[in-house]
Amino acid sequence: MLKVAVVILADTETRGDLGRLANALEAARELKEAGDEVKVLFDGAGTKWVPVLADPAHKYHRTFTELREVVAGACAYCARAFGVLDQVEAAGVPLLKEYRDHPSLRGLMAEGYRVLTF
């Protein structure tokens, strides 16, 4: 069994960003379906995806909902910096702040997770 952290850093601005999000969600779904241990984290501009994906009208809302149990959270610092802190909290996504108000990637690696960034 693999242990993989899927970190979404892509912004919400372009089709390329949407493509990176789609690839991240597909990777997470494949890992989950295979029975691997997977965590999805939203970091940097990627924190802006949380309120977008929480909207039932968004094309990837259903996928996001299917993956909710493996969504570890969103970077507290970045959610604040990108102006989505309240929306992340309203979506019920935990705020990660293990290292200076950011998620600890080192901590994930120390736990044996491979880190994929999108």
C-alpha atoms as a PDB file:
ATOM      1  CA  MET A   1       0.000   0.000   0.000  1.00  0.00           C
ATOM      2  CA  LEU A   2       1.236   3.449  -0.923  1.00  0.00           C
ATOM      3  CA  LYS A   3       1.044   6.561   1.251  1.00  0.00           C
ATOM      4  CA  VAL A   4       0.628   9.649  -0.933  1.00  0.00           C
ATOM      5  CA  ALA A   5      -0.096  13.302  -0.202  1.00  0.00           C
ATOM      6  CA  VAL A   6      -1.630  15.116  -3.172  1.00  0.00           C
ATOM      7  CA  VAL A   7      -0.913  18.832  -2.803  1.00  0.00           C
ATOM      8  CA  ILE A   8      -2.967  21.202  -4.950  1.00  0.00           C
ATOM      9  CA  LEU A   9      -1.100  24.453  -5.564  1.00  0.00           C
ATOM     10  CA  ALA A  10      -2.754  25.446  -8.858  1.00  0.00           C
ATOM     11  CA  ASP A  11      -4.609  28.738  -8.974  1.00  0.00           C
ATOM     12  CA  THR A  12      -8.197  29.071 -10.198  1.00  0.00           C
ATOM     13  CA  GLU A  13      -7.406  31.496 -13.027  1.00  0.00           C
ATOM     14  CA  THR A  14      -6.786  29.500 -16.225  1.00  0.00           C
ATOM     15  CA  ARG A  15      -7.793  26.345 -18.077  1.00  0.00           C
ATOM     16  CA  GLY A  16      -4.322  25.033 -17.278  1.00  0.00           C
ATOM     17  CA  ASP A  17      -5.050  25.533 -13.570  1.00  0.00           C
ATOM     18  CA  LEU A  18      -8.331  23.644 -13.965  1.00  0.00           C
ATOM     19  CA  GLY A  19      -6.426  20.866 -15.725  1.00  0.00           C
ATOM     20  CA  ARG A  20      -3.965  20.576 -12.837  1.00  0.00           C
ATOM     21  CA  LEU A  21      -6.870  20.422 -10.386  1.00  0.00           C
ATOM     22  CA  ALA A  22      -8.554  17.705 -12.455  1.00  0.00           C
ATOM     23  CA  ASN A  23      -5.326  15.687 -12.579  1.00  0.00           C
ATOM     24  CA  ALA A  24      -4.853  16.040  -8.814  1.00  0.00           C
ATOM     25  CA  LEU A  25      -8.392  14.871  -8.094  1.00  0.00           C
ATOM     26  CA  GLU A  26      -8.058  11.948 -10.513  1.00  0.00           C
ATOM     27  CA  ALA A  27      -4.769  10.887  -8.923  1.00  0.00           C
ATOM     28  CA  ALA A  28      -6.367  11.035  -5.471  1.00  0.00           C
ATOM     29  CA  ARG A  29      -9.382   9.051  -6.657  1.00  0.00           C
ATOM     30  CA  GLU A  30      -7.193   6.373  -8.250  1.00  0.00           C
ATOM     31  CA  LEU A  31      -5.120   6.036  -5.077  1.00  0.00           C
ATOM     32  CA  LYS A  32      -8.229   5.874  -2.888  1.00  0.00           C
ATOM     33  CA  GLU A  33      -9.897   3.270  -5.118  1.00  0.00           C
ATOM     34  CA  ALA A  34      -6.729   1.162  -5.023  1.00  0.00           C
ATOM     35  CA  GLY A  35      -6.876   1.158  -1.231  1.00  0.00           C
ATOM     36  CA  ASP A  36      -3.823   3.339  -0.793  1.00  0.00           C
ATOM     37  CA  GLU A  37      -3.517   5.854   2.027  1.00  0.00           C
ATOM     38  CA  VAL A  38      -4.043   9.249   0.425  1.00  0.00           C
ATOM     39  CA  LYS A  39      -4.351  12.778   1.746  1.00  0.00           C
ATOM     40  CA  VAL A  40      -5.391  15.786  -0.316  1.00  0.00           C
ATOM     41  CA  LEU A  41      -4.076  19.192   0.751  1.00  0.00           C
ATOM     42  CA  PHE A  42      -4.854  22.631  -0.671  1.00  0.00           C
ATOM     43  CA  ASP A  43      -1.881  24.984  -0.399  1.00  0.00           C
ATOM     44  CA  GLY A  44      -0.830  28.328  -1.845  1.00  0.00           C
ATOM     45  CA  ALA A  45      -3.260  29.630  -4.469  1.00  0.00           C
ATOM     46  CA  GLY A  46      -4.770  26.137  -4.411  1.00  0.00           C
ATOM     47  CA  THR A  47      -6.672  27.140  -1.262  1.00  0.00           C
ATOM     48  CA  LYS A  48      -8.932  29.164  -3.575  1.00  0.00           C
ATOM     49  CA  TRP A  49     -10.287  25.879  -4.965  1.00  0.00           C
ATOM     50  CA  VAL A  50     -12.044  24.942  -1.719  1.00  0.00           C
ATOM     51  CA  PRO A  51     -14.961  27.399  -2.022  1.00  0.00           C
ATOM     52  CA  VAL A  52     -15.146  26.774  -5.773  1.00  0.00           C
ATOM     53  CA  LEU A  53     -15.398  23.003  -5.289  1.00  0.00           C
ATOM     54  CA  ALA A  54     -17.880  23.428  -2.427  1.00  0.00           C
ATOM     55  CA  ASP A  55     -20.329  24.940  -4.934  1.00  0.00           C
ATOM     56  CA  PRO A  56     -22.716  22.181  -6.093  1.00  0.00           C
ATOM     57  CA  ALA A  57     -22.858  23.804  -9.543  1.00  0.00           C
ATOM     58  CA  HIS A  58     -19.137  23.247 -10.201  1.00  0.00           C
ATOM     59  CA  LYS A  59     -18.281  20.394 -12.547  1.00  0.00           C
ATOM     60  CA  TYR A  60     -15.852  18.845 -10.029  1.00  0.00           C
ATOM     61  CA  HIS A  61     -18.077  19.263  -6.967  1.00  0.00           C
ATOM     62  CA  ARG A  62     -19.155  15.623  -7.059  1.00  0.00           C
ATOM     63  CA  THR A  63     -15.561  14.408  -7.277  1.00  0.00           C
ATOM     64  CA  PHE A  64     -14.619  16.705  -4.392  1.00  0.00           C
ATOM     65  CA  THR A  65     -17.516  15.315  -2.360  1.00  0.00           C
ATOM     66  CA  GLU A  66     -16.455  11.736  -3.123  1.00  0.00           C
ATOM     67  CA  LEU A  67     -12.938  12.560  -1.879  1.00  0.00           C
ATOM     68  CA  ARG A  68     -13.956  14.502   1.247  1.00  0.00           C
ATOM     69  CA  GLU A  69     -12.836  11.731   3.603  1.00  0.00           C
ATOM     70  CA  VAL A  70      -9.269  12.040   2.271  1.00  0.00           C
ATOM     71  CA  VAL A  71      -9.147  15.862   2.224  1.00  0.00           C
ATOM     72  CA  ALA A  72      -6.675  16.562   5.020  1.00  0.00           C
ATOM     73  CA  GLY A  73      -7.209  20.302   4.817  1.00  0.00           C
ATOM     74  CA  ALA A  74      -6.019  23.650   3.517  1.00  0.00           C
ATOM     75  CA  CYS A  75      -3.081  25.817   4.502  1.00  0.00           C
ATOM     76  CA  ALA A  76      -4.250  28.286   7.154  1.00  0.00           C
ATOM     77  CA  TYR A  77      -1.705  30.943   6.170  1.00  0.00           C
ATOM     78  CA  CYS A  78      -2.450  30.733   2.459  1.00  0.00           C
ATOM     79  CA  ALA A  79      -6.229  30.643   2.910  1.00  0.00           C
ATOM     80  CA  ARG A  80      -5.891  33.900   4.839  1.00  0.00           C
ATOM     81  CA  ALA A  81      -3.436  35.406   2.332  1.00  0.00           C
ATOM     82  CA  PHE A  82      -5.666  34.545  -0.640  1.00  0.00           C
ATOM     83  CA  GLY A  83      -8.805  35.837   1.078  1.00  0.00           C
ATOM     84  CA  VAL A  84     -10.673  32.531   1.377  1.00  0.00           C
ATOM     85  CA  LEU A  85     -10.242  31.689   5.066  1.00  0.00           C
ATOM     86  CA  ASP A  86     -13.924  32.136   5.937  1.00  0.00           C
ATOM     87  CA  GLN A  87     -15.052  30.145   2.881  1.00  0.00           C
ATOM     88  CA  VAL A  88     -12.654  27.285   3.691  1.00  0.00           C
ATOM     89  CA  GLU A  89     -13.990  27.149   7.228  1.00  0.00           C
ATOM     90  CA  ALA A  90     -17.596  27.330   5.962  1.00  0.00           C
ATOM     91  CA  ALA A  91     -16.872  24.388   3.646  1.00  0.00           C
ATOM     92  CA  GLY A  92     -15.809  22.343   6.668  1.00  0.00           C
ATOM     93  CA  VAL A  93     -12.251  21.845   5.416  1.00  0.00           C
ATOM     94  CA  PRO A  94      -9.724  21.782   8.279  1.00  0.00           C
ATOM     95  CA  LEU A  95      -7.067  24.476   8.425  1.00  0.00           C
ATOM     96  CA  LEU A  96      -3.544  23.062   8.489  1.00  0.00           C
ATOM     97  CA  LYS A  97      -0.930  24.969  10.457  1.00  0.00           C
ATOM     98  CA  GLU A  98       1.642  22.503  11.770  1.00  0.00           C
ATOM     99  CA  TYR A  99       4.660  24.537  10.642  1.00  0.00           C
ATOM    100  CA  ARG A 100       4.500  28.322  10.931  1.00  0.00           C
ATOM    101  CA  ASP A 101       0.803  28.338  10.028  1.00  0.00           C
ATOM    102  CA  HIS A 102       1.413  26.058   7.004  1.00  0.00           C
ATOM    103  CA  PRO A 103       0.969  22.305   6.571  1.00  0.00           C
ATOM    104  CA  SER A 104       4.132  20.377   7.372  1.00  0.00           C
ATOM    105  CA  LEU A 105       5.308  18.654   4.218  1.00  0.00           C
ATOM    106  CA  ARG A 106       8.305  17.398   6.150  1.00  0.00           C
ATOM    107  CA  GLY A 107       5.942  15.859   8.659  1.00  0.00           C
ATOM    108  CA  LEU A 108       4.144  14.022   5.869  1.00  0.00           C
ATOM    109  CA  MET A 109       7.439  12.760   4.475  1.00  0.00           C
ATOM    110  CA  ALA A 110       8.548  11.675   7.957  1.00  0.00           C
ATOM    111  CA  GLU A 111       5.330   9.619   8.132  1.00  0.00           C
ATOM    112  CA  GLY A 112       6.317   7.928   4.874  1.00  0.00           C
ATOM    113  CA  TYR A 113       4.115   9.890   2.465  1.00  0.00           C
ATOM    114  CA  ARG A 114       5.225  10.554  -1.077  1.00  0.00           C
ATOM    115  CA  VAL A 115       4.291  14.116  -1.983  1.00  0.00           C
ATOM    116  CA  LEU A 116       2.762  14.882  -5.381  1.00  0.00           C
ATOM    117  CA  THR A 117       2.245  18.513  -6.307  1.00  0.00           C
ATOM    118  CA  PHE A 118      -0.181  19.847  -8.883  1.00  0.00           C
END
